[in-house]
Amino acid sequence: MPAEKFQNKYRIGSKRASWHDYNGGEYFITICTKDKKHYFGEIVDG
């Protein structure tokens, strides 16, 4: 298991704000593709 192998040496804590409720709401997702190729459609009217 990774936890045993690295003994939690490389564990990074959560970057989430402790005061914010993350249940529900809206999210913005960024997807990066190799060579910035457009695989997911195109922008129409700005």
PDB file of N, CA and C in Angstrom:
ATOM      1  N   MET A   1       0.840  -1.195   0.000  1.00  0.00           N
ATOM      2  CA  MET A   1       0.000   0.000   0.000  1.00  0.00           C
ATOM      3  C   MET A   1       0.878   1.249   0.000  1.00  0.00           C
ATOM      4  N   PRO A   2       0.464   2.290  -0.720  1.00  0.00           N
ATOM      5  CA  PRO A   2       1.256   3.530  -0.769  1.00  0.00           C
ATOM      6  C   PRO A   2       1.486   4.165   0.605  1.00  0.00           C
ATOM      7  N   ALA A   3       0.500   4.115   1.490  1.00  0.00           N
ATOM      8  CA  ALA A   3       0.663   4.724   2.812  1.00  0.00           C
ATOM      9  C   ALA A   3       1.801   4.065   3.582  1.00  0.00           C
ATOM     10  N   GLU A   4       1.915   2.738   3.441  1.00  0.00           N
ATOM     11  CA  GLU A   4       2.997   2.025   4.115  1.00  0.00           C
ATOM     12  C   GLU A   4       4.335   2.289   3.420  1.00  0.00           C
ATOM     13  N   LYS A   5       4.298   2.350   2.110  1.00  0.00           N
ATOM     14  CA  LYS A   5       5.516   2.530   1.333  1.00  0.00           C
ATOM     15  C   LYS A   5       6.161   3.889   1.607  1.00  0.00           C
ATOM     16  N   PHE A   6       5.363   4.939   1.620  1.00  0.00           N
ATOM     17  CA  PHE A   6       5.908   6.286   1.802  1.00  0.00           C
ATOM     18  C   PHE A   6       5.711   6.826   3.216  1.00  0.00           C
ATOM     19  N   GLN A   7       5.056   6.051   4.067  1.00  0.00           N
ATOM     20  CA  GLN A   7       4.829   6.405   5.473  1.00  0.00           C
ATOM     21  C   GLN A   7       4.243   7.811   5.627  1.00  0.00           C
ATOM     22  N   ASN A   8       3.291   8.175   4.743  1.00  0.00           N
ATOM     23  CA  ASN A   8       2.627   9.479   4.724  1.00  0.00           C
ATOM     24  C   ASN A   8       3.597  10.650   4.567  1.00  0.00           C
ATOM     25  N   LYS A   9       4.793  10.407   4.096  1.00  0.00           N
ATOM     26  CA  LYS A   9       5.815  11.439   3.946  1.00  0.00           C
ATOM     27  C   LYS A   9       5.422  12.478   2.902  1.00  0.00           C
ATOM     28  N   TYR A  10       4.727  12.054   1.839  1.00  0.00           N
ATOM     29  CA  TYR A  10       4.403  12.952   0.741  1.00  0.00           C
ATOM     30  C   TYR A  10       2.933  13.354   0.721  1.00  0.00           C
ATOM     31  N   ARG A  11       2.252  13.185   1.819  1.00  0.00           N
ATOM     32  CA  ARG A  11       0.824  13.495   1.881  1.00  0.00           C
ATOM     33  C   ARG A  11       0.611  15.004   1.929  1.00  0.00           C
ATOM     34  N   ILE A  12      -0.308  15.488   1.097  1.00  0.00           N
ATOM     35  CA  ILE A  12      -0.626  16.914   1.043  1.00  0.00           C
ATOM     36  C   ILE A  12      -2.017  17.123   1.630  1.00  0.00           C
ATOM     37  N   GLY A  13      -2.140  18.076   2.504  1.00  0.00           N
ATOM     38  CA  GLY A  13      -3.425  18.363   3.136  1.00  0.00           C
ATOM     39  C   GLY A  13      -4.422  18.967   2.158  1.00  0.00           C
ATOM     40  N   SER A  14      -5.672  18.996   2.537  1.00  0.00           N
ATOM     41  CA  SER A  14      -6.734  19.532   1.695  1.00  0.00           C
ATOM     42  C   SER A  14      -6.570  21.032   1.501  1.00  0.00           C
ATOM     43  N   LYS A  15      -6.844  21.501   0.275  1.00  0.00           N
ATOM     44  CA  LYS A  15      -6.796  22.928  -0.037  1.00  0.00           C
ATOM     45  C   LYS A  15      -8.182  23.555   0.041  1.00  0.00           C
ATOM     46  N   ARG A  16      -9.179  22.789   0.438  1.00  0.00           N
ATOM     47  CA  ARG A  16     -10.537  23.315   0.545  1.00  0.00           C
ATOM     48  C   ARG A  16     -10.658  24.257   1.734  1.00  0.00           C
ATOM     49  N   ALA A  17     -11.463  25.302   1.553  1.00  0.00           N
ATOM     50  CA  ALA A  17     -11.702  26.261   2.635  1.00  0.00           C
ATOM     51  C   ALA A  17     -12.531  25.593   3.729  1.00  0.00           C
ATOM     52  N   SER A  18     -12.082  25.640   4.946  1.00  0.00           N
ATOM     53  CA  SER A  18     -12.789  24.979   6.051  1.00  0.00           C
ATOM     54  C   SER A  18     -14.131  25.642   6.349  1.00  0.00           C
ATOM     55  N   TRP A  19     -14.299  26.911   5.968  1.00  0.00           N
ATOM     56  CA  TRP A  19     -15.519  27.663   6.262  1.00  0.00           C
ATOM     57  C   TRP A  19     -16.585  27.516   5.188  1.00  0.00           C
ATOM     58  N   HIS A  20     -16.265  26.893   4.045  1.00  0.00           N
ATOM     59  CA  HIS A  20     -17.214  26.813   2.922  1.00  0.00           C
ATOM     60  C   HIS A  20     -17.925  25.473   2.892  1.00  0.00           C
ATOM     61  N   ASP A  21     -19.240  25.513   2.575  1.00  0.00           N
ATOM     62  CA  ASP A  21     -20.027  24.293   2.415  1.00  0.00           C
ATOM     63  C   ASP A  21     -19.956  23.866   0.949  1.00  0.00           C
ATOM     64  N   TYR A  22     -19.316  22.749   0.646  1.00  0.00           N
ATOM     65  CA  TYR A  22     -19.114  22.291  -0.719  1.00  0.00           C
ATOM     66  C   TYR A  22     -20.261  21.414  -1.232  1.00  0.00           C
ATOM     67  N   ASN A  23     -21.337  21.277  -0.479  1.00  0.00           N
ATOM     68  CA  ASN A  23     -22.482  20.480  -0.924  1.00  0.00           C
ATOM     69  C   ASN A  23     -23.326  21.294  -1.890  1.00  0.00           C
ATOM     70  N   GLY A  24     -23.545  20.771  -3.102  1.00  0.00           N
ATOM     71  CA  GLY A  24     -24.345  21.472  -4.099  1.00  0.00           C
ATOM     72  C   GLY A  24     -23.585  22.637  -4.706  1.00  0.00           C
ATOM     73  N   GLY A  25     -24.311  23.536  -5.346  1.00  0.00           N
ATOM     74  CA  GLY A  25     -23.687  24.720  -5.916  1.00  0.00           C
ATOM     75  C   GLY A  25     -23.223  24.501  -7.340  1.00  0.00           C
ATOM     76  N   GLU A  26     -22.488  25.478  -7.859  1.00  0.00           N
ATOM     77  CA  GLU A  26     -21.996  25.412  -9.222  1.00  0.00           C
ATOM     78  C   GLU A  26     -20.484  25.233  -9.213  1.00  0.00           C
ATOM     79  N   TYR A  27     -19.987  24.588 -10.241  1.00  0.00           N
ATOM     80  CA  TYR A  27     -18.556  24.346 -10.355  1.00  0.00           C
ATOM     81  C   TYR A  27     -18.072  24.786 -11.726  1.00  0.00           C
ATOM     82  N   PHE A  28     -16.854  25.255 -11.801  1.00  0.00           N
ATOM     83  CA  PHE A  28     -16.191  25.570 -13.058  1.00  0.00           C
ATOM     84  C   PHE A  28     -15.063  24.573 -13.219  1.00  0.00           C
ATOM     85  N   ILE A  29     -15.052  23.865 -14.327  1.00  0.00           N
ATOM     86  CA  ILE A  29     -14.055  22.824 -14.554  1.00  0.00           C
ATOM     87  C   ILE A  29     -13.187  23.214 -15.747  1.00  0.00           C
ATOM     88  N   THR A  30     -11.886  23.102 -15.588  1.00  0.00           N
ATOM     89  CA  THR A  30     -10.947  23.369 -16.661  1.00  0.00           C
ATOM     90  C   THR A  30     -10.341  22.047 -17.116  1.00  0.00           C
ATOM     91  N   ILE A  31     -10.366  21.802 -18.409  1.00  0.00           N
ATOM     92  CA  ILE A  31      -9.784  20.588 -18.968  1.00  0.00           C
ATOM     93  C   ILE A  31      -8.657  20.995 -19.914  1.00  0.00           C
ATOM     94  N   CYS A  32      -7.473  20.505 -19.671  1.00  0.00           N
ATOM     95  CA  CYS A  32      -6.329  20.776 -20.534  1.00  0.00           C
ATOM     96  C   CYS A  32      -6.083  19.544 -21.403  1.00  0.00           C
ATOM     97  N   THR A  33      -5.893  19.779 -22.692  1.00  0.00           N
ATOM     98  CA  THR A  33      -5.646  18.670 -23.608  1.00  0.00           C
ATOM     99  C   THR A  33      -4.239  18.780 -24.203  1.00  0.00           C
ATOM    100  N   LYS A  34      -3.730  17.667 -24.666  1.00  0.00           N
ATOM    101  CA  LYS A  34      -2.398  17.645 -25.257  1.00  0.00           C
ATOM    102  C   LYS A  34      -2.346  18.570 -26.471  1.00  0.00           C
ATOM    103  N   ASP A  35      -1.331  19.387 -26.529  1.00  0.00           N
ATOM    104  CA  ASP A  35      -1.120  20.343 -27.624  1.00  0.00           C
ATOM    105  C   ASP A  35      -2.273  21.334 -27.785  1.00  0.00           C
ATOM    106  N   LYS A  36      -3.077  21.512 -26.741  1.00  0.00           N
ATOM    107  CA  LYS A  36      -4.222  22.448 -26.731  1.00  0.00           C
ATOM    108  C   LYS A  36      -5.202  22.177 -27.868  1.00  0.00           C
ATOM    109  N   LYS A  37      -5.375  20.912 -28.217  1.00  0.00           N
ATOM    110  CA  LYS A  37      -6.289  20.538 -29.294  1.00  0.00           C
ATOM    111  C   LYS A  37      -7.731  20.672 -28.817  1.00  0.00           C
ATOM    112  N   HIS A  38      -8.615  21.043 -29.730  1.00  0.00           N
ATOM    113  CA  HIS A  38     -10.027  21.242 -29.420  1.00  0.00           C
ATOM    114  C   HIS A  38     -10.797  19.944 -29.699  1.00  0.00           C
ATOM    115  N   TYR A  39     -11.056  19.168 -28.659  1.00  0.00           N
ATOM    116  CA  TYR A  39     -11.756  17.900 -28.787  1.00  0.00           C
ATOM    117  C   TYR A  39     -13.236  18.017 -28.414  1.00  0.00           C
ATOM    118  N   PHE A  40     -13.628  19.078 -27.739  1.00  0.00           N
ATOM    119  CA  PHE A  40     -14.941  19.122 -27.097  1.00  0.00           C
ATOM    120  C   PHE A  40     -15.890  20.126 -27.735  1.00  0.00           C
ATOM    121  N   GLY A  41     -15.733  20.451 -29.012  1.00  0.00           N
ATOM    122  CA  GLY A  41     -16.646  21.369 -29.668  1.00  0.00           C
ATOM    123  C   GLY A  41     -15.960  22.692 -29.931  1.00  0.00           C
ATOM    124  N   GLU A  42     -16.785  23.726 -30.197  1.00  0.00           N
ATOM    125  CA  GLU A  42     -16.239  25.037 -30.508  1.00  0.00           C
ATOM    126  C   GLU A  42     -17.072  26.120 -29.851  1.00  0.00           C
ATOM    127  N   ILE A  43     -16.512  27.296 -29.702  1.00  0.00           N
ATOM    128  CA  ILE A  43     -17.218  28.431 -29.110  1.00  0.00           C
ATOM    129  C   ILE A  43     -17.991  29.138 -30.216  1.00  0.00           C
ATOM    130  N   VAL A  44     -19.275  29.373 -29.973  1.00  0.00           N
ATOM    131  CA  VAL A  44     -20.130  30.044 -30.942  1.00  0.00           C
ATOM    132  C   VAL A  44     -20.657  31.332 -30.320  1.00  0.00           C
ATOM    133  N   ASP A  45     -20.607  32.431 -31.020  1.00  0.00           N
ATOM    134  CA  ASP A  45     -21.093  33.730 -30.538  1.00  0.00           C
ATOM    135  C   ASP A  45     -20.384  34.185 -29.265  1.00  0.00           C
ATOM    136  N   GLY A  46     -19.068  33.986 -29.205  1.00  0.00           N
ATOM    137  CA  GLY A  46     -18.273  34.471 -28.083  1.00  0.00           C
ATOM    138  C   GLY A  46     -18.369  33.619 -26.874  1.00  0.00           C
TER     139      GLY A  46
END
